[in-house]
């Protein structure tokens, strides 16, 4: 597991994405982190001020500027549906119960068994 970032002194962060909801921000953060890109959600606690504050206060930030272009490419592929199409082609069958699952799942939704390999 990588060492946690010292985000207070991190000067190389760039805002990548302004989500509609805090949930969307964390979905994107998790997706990018699953690809090895360290990210941070900032402004999520300002959601309570909606109506009082301007929209777009919550943002997903890329911690290292060197990863920004890759993160931007991954995010564009994600929103175009490229990732879903690629993973859909990787269906697998659960060895424990025989359920057929889409490629993005790591565990069987029927019985909870882990994907082999």
C-alpha atoms as a PDB file:
ATOM      1  CA  UNK A   1       0.000   0.000   0.000  1.00  0.00           C
ATOM      2  CA  UNK A   2       1.447   3.415  -0.942  1.00  0.00           C
ATOM      3  CA  UNK A   3       2.376   5.876   1.773  1.00  0.00           C
ATOM      4  CA  UNK A   4      -0.371   8.396   2.511  1.00  0.00           C
ATOM      5  CA  UNK A   5       0.052  11.803   0.911  1.00  0.00           C
ATOM      6  CA  UNK A   6       0.860  14.841   2.969  1.00  0.00           C
ATOM      7  CA  UNK A   7      -1.953  16.815   1.364  1.00  0.00           C
ATOM      8  CA  UNK A   8      -1.371  19.966   3.378  1.00  0.00           C
ATOM      9  CA  UNK A   9       1.951  20.580   1.614  1.00  0.00           C
ATOM     10  CA  UNK A  10       1.186  19.024  -1.757  1.00  0.00           C
ATOM     11  CA  UNK A  11       1.702  21.743  -4.374  1.00  0.00           C
ATOM     12  CA  UNK A  12       1.357  19.636  -7.535  1.00  0.00           C
ATOM     13  CA  UNK A  13      -2.368  18.956  -7.303  1.00  0.00           C
ATOM     14  CA  UNK A  14      -4.683  19.849 -10.192  1.00  0.00           C
ATOM     15  CA  UNK A  15      -8.484  19.838 -10.269  1.00  0.00           C
ATOM     16  CA  UNK A  16      -9.680  17.205 -12.732  1.00  0.00           C
ATOM     17  CA  UNK A  17     -13.441  16.943 -12.371  1.00  0.00           C
ATOM     18  CA  UNK A  18     -16.399  18.874 -10.943  1.00  0.00           C
ATOM     19  CA  UNK A  19     -19.108  16.305 -10.177  1.00  0.00           C
ATOM     20  CA  UNK A  20     -22.823  16.878  -9.767  1.00  0.00           C
ATOM     21  CA  UNK A  21     -22.823  15.080  -6.412  1.00  0.00           C
ATOM     22  CA  UNK A  22     -20.375  14.075  -3.706  1.00  0.00           C
ATOM     23  CA  UNK A  23     -21.215  10.437  -4.494  1.00  0.00           C
ATOM     24  CA  UNK A  24     -20.071  10.960  -8.097  1.00  0.00           C
ATOM     25  CA  UNK A  25     -16.846  12.524  -6.824  1.00  0.00           C
ATOM     26  CA  UNK A  26     -16.049   9.472  -4.715  1.00  0.00           C
ATOM     27  CA  UNK A  27     -16.971   7.090  -7.536  1.00  0.00           C
ATOM     28  CA  UNK A  28     -14.472   8.848  -9.825  1.00  0.00           C
ATOM     29  CA  UNK A  29     -11.881   9.003  -7.045  1.00  0.00           C
ATOM     30  CA  UNK A  30     -12.170   5.238  -6.479  1.00  0.00           C
ATOM     31  CA  UNK A  31     -12.009   4.519 -10.204  1.00  0.00           C
ATOM     32  CA  UNK A  32      -8.819   6.538 -10.643  1.00  0.00           C
ATOM     33  CA  UNK A  33      -7.253   5.089  -7.510  1.00  0.00           C
ATOM     34  CA  UNK A  34      -7.967   1.587  -8.825  1.00  0.00           C
ATOM     35  CA  UNK A  35      -5.701   2.596 -11.723  1.00  0.00           C
ATOM     36  CA  UNK A  36      -2.938   3.719  -9.352  1.00  0.00           C
ATOM     37  CA  UNK A  37      -3.653   7.450  -9.535  1.00  0.00           C
ATOM     38  CA  UNK A  38      -3.760   9.123  -6.134  1.00  0.00           C
ATOM     39  CA  UNK A  39      -6.690  11.538  -5.897  1.00  0.00           C
ATOM     40  CA  UNK A  40      -8.504  13.659  -3.367  1.00  0.00           C
ATOM     41  CA  UNK A  41     -12.061  14.973  -3.119  1.00  0.00           C
ATOM     42  CA  UNK A  42     -12.145  18.559  -1.924  1.00  0.00           C
ATOM     43  CA  UNK A  43     -15.158  20.661  -1.063  1.00  0.00           C
ATOM     44  CA  UNK A  44     -17.427  17.723  -0.257  1.00  0.00           C
ATOM     45  CA  UNK A  45     -18.469  19.192   3.077  1.00  0.00           C
ATOM     46  CA  UNK A  46     -19.653  22.377   1.360  1.00  0.00           C
ATOM     47  CA  UNK A  47     -22.608  20.472  -0.125  1.00  0.00           C
ATOM     48  CA  UNK A  48     -24.717  21.576   2.849  1.00  0.00           C
ATOM     49  CA  UNK A  49     -24.416  25.131   1.570  1.00  0.00           C
ATOM     50  CA  UNK A  50     -26.058  24.409  -1.794  1.00  0.00           C
ATOM     51  CA  UNK A  51     -28.195  27.407  -2.666  1.00  0.00           C
ATOM     52  CA  UNK A  52     -25.971  29.649  -0.575  1.00  0.00           C
ATOM     53  CA  UNK A  53     -22.699  28.806  -2.342  1.00  0.00           C
ATOM     54  CA  UNK A  54     -21.863  28.659  -6.039  1.00  0.00           C
ATOM     55  CA  UNK A  55     -22.181  25.277  -7.756  1.00  0.00           C
ATOM     56  CA  UNK A  56     -19.040  23.306  -8.486  1.00  0.00           C
ATOM     57  CA  UNK A  57     -17.415  23.636  -5.091  1.00  0.00           C
ATOM     58  CA  UNK A  58     -16.776  19.878  -4.854  1.00  0.00           C
ATOM     59  CA  UNK A  59     -13.931  18.693  -7.088  1.00  0.00           C
ATOM     60  CA  UNK A  60     -11.769  15.634  -7.690  1.00  0.00           C
ATOM     61  CA  UNK A  61      -8.075  16.538  -7.612  1.00  0.00           C
ATOM     62  CA  UNK A  62      -5.132  14.575  -8.997  1.00  0.00           C
ATOM     63  CA  UNK A  63      -2.372  14.580  -6.393  1.00  0.00           C
ATOM     64  CA  UNK A  64       0.578  14.432  -8.781  1.00  0.00           C
ATOM     65  CA  UNK A  65       0.583  16.633 -11.872  1.00  0.00           C
ATOM     66  CA  UNK A  66       2.584  13.940 -13.699  1.00  0.00           C
ATOM     67  CA  UNK A  67      -0.548  11.720 -13.588  1.00  0.00           C
ATOM     68  CA  UNK A  68      -3.000  14.389 -14.746  1.00  0.00           C
ATOM     69  CA  UNK A  69      -3.045  13.536 -18.467  1.00  0.00           C
ATOM     70  CA  UNK A  70      -3.458   9.821 -17.760  1.00  0.00           C
ATOM     71  CA  UNK A  71      -6.258  10.543 -15.269  1.00  0.00           C
ATOM     72  CA  UNK A  72      -7.982  12.797 -17.812  1.00  0.00           C
ATOM     73  CA  UNK A  73      -7.736  10.075 -20.494  1.00  0.00           C
ATOM     74  CA  UNK A  74      -9.108   7.405 -18.129  1.00  0.00           C
ATOM     75  CA  UNK A  75     -11.989   9.656 -17.118  1.00  0.00           C
ATOM     76  CA  UNK A  76     -12.900  10.426 -20.743  1.00  0.00           C
ATOM     77  CA  UNK A  77     -12.820   6.686 -21.580  1.00  0.00           C
ATOM     78  CA  UNK A  78     -14.998   5.994 -18.543  1.00  0.00           C
ATOM     79  CA  UNK A  79     -17.647   8.562 -19.548  1.00  0.00           C
ATOM     80  CA  UNK A  80     -17.667   7.445 -23.193  1.00  0.00           C
ATOM     81  CA  UNK A  81     -18.412   3.909 -22.009  1.00  0.00           C
ATOM     82  CA  UNK A  82     -15.123   2.462 -23.300  1.00  0.00           C
ATOM     83  CA  UNK A  83     -14.346   0.892 -19.927  1.00  0.00           C
ATOM     84  CA  UNK A  84     -17.773  -0.737 -19.605  1.00  0.00           C
ATOM     85  CA  UNK A  85     -17.567  -2.174 -23.132  1.00  0.00           C
ATOM     86  CA  UNK A  86     -14.076  -3.550 -22.491  1.00  0.00           C
ATOM     87  CA  UNK A  87     -15.104  -5.148 -19.202  1.00  0.00           C
ATOM     88  CA  UNK A  88     -18.363  -6.535 -20.601  1.00  0.00           C
ATOM     89  CA  UNK A  89     -16.300  -8.677 -22.947  1.00  0.00           C
ATOM     90  CA  UNK A  90     -14.608 -10.276 -19.918  1.00  0.00           C
ATOM     91  CA  UNK A  91     -17.593 -12.092 -18.439  1.00  0.00           C
ATOM     92  CA  UNK A  92     -16.751 -14.884 -16.039  1.00  0.00           C
ATOM     93  CA  UNK A  93     -18.576 -17.793 -14.442  1.00  0.00           C
ATOM     94  CA  UNK A  94     -18.450 -18.321 -10.685  1.00  0.00           C
ATOM     95  CA  UNK A  95     -16.817 -21.655  -9.881  1.00  0.00           C
ATOM     96  CA  UNK A  96     -18.849 -21.951  -6.666  1.00  0.00           C
ATOM     97  CA  UNK A  97     -22.416 -21.394  -7.913  1.00  0.00           C
ATOM     98  CA  UNK A  98     -22.226 -21.124 -11.713  1.00  0.00           C
ATOM     99  CA  UNK A  99     -23.527 -17.532 -11.924  1.00  0.00           C
ATOM    100  CA  UNK A 100     -22.372 -15.549 -14.993  1.00  0.00           C
ATOM    101  CA  UNK A 101     -20.946 -12.154 -14.054  1.00  0.00           C
ATOM    102  CA  UNK A 102     -19.829  -9.066 -15.921  1.00  0.00           C
ATOM    103  CA  UNK A 103     -16.117  -8.403 -16.125  1.00  0.00           C
ATOM    104  CA  UNK A 104     -16.010  -5.460 -13.709  1.00  0.00           C
ATOM    105  CA  UNK A 105     -17.078  -7.591 -10.743  1.00  0.00           C
ATOM    106  CA  UNK A 106     -14.402  -9.110  -8.529  1.00  0.00           C
ATOM    107  CA  UNK A 107     -16.835 -11.153  -6.409  1.00  0.00           C
ATOM    108  CA  UNK A 108     -19.942 -13.152  -7.263  1.00  0.00           C
ATOM    109  CA  UNK A 109     -23.131 -11.264  -6.413  1.00  0.00           C
ATOM    110  CA  UNK A 110     -24.987 -14.560  -6.013  1.00  0.00           C
ATOM    111  CA  UNK A 111     -22.779 -16.314  -3.451  1.00  0.00           C
ATOM    112  CA  UNK A 112     -19.949 -13.879  -2.640  1.00  0.00           C
ATOM    113  CA  UNK A 113     -17.117 -16.102  -3.923  1.00  0.00           C
ATOM    114  CA  UNK A 114     -14.039 -14.276  -5.228  1.00  0.00           C
ATOM    115  CA  UNK A 115     -13.248 -14.214  -8.923  1.00  0.00           C
ATOM    116  CA  UNK A 116     -10.503 -16.728  -9.691  1.00  0.00           C
ATOM    117  CA  UNK A 117      -7.098 -15.470 -10.768  1.00  0.00           C
END
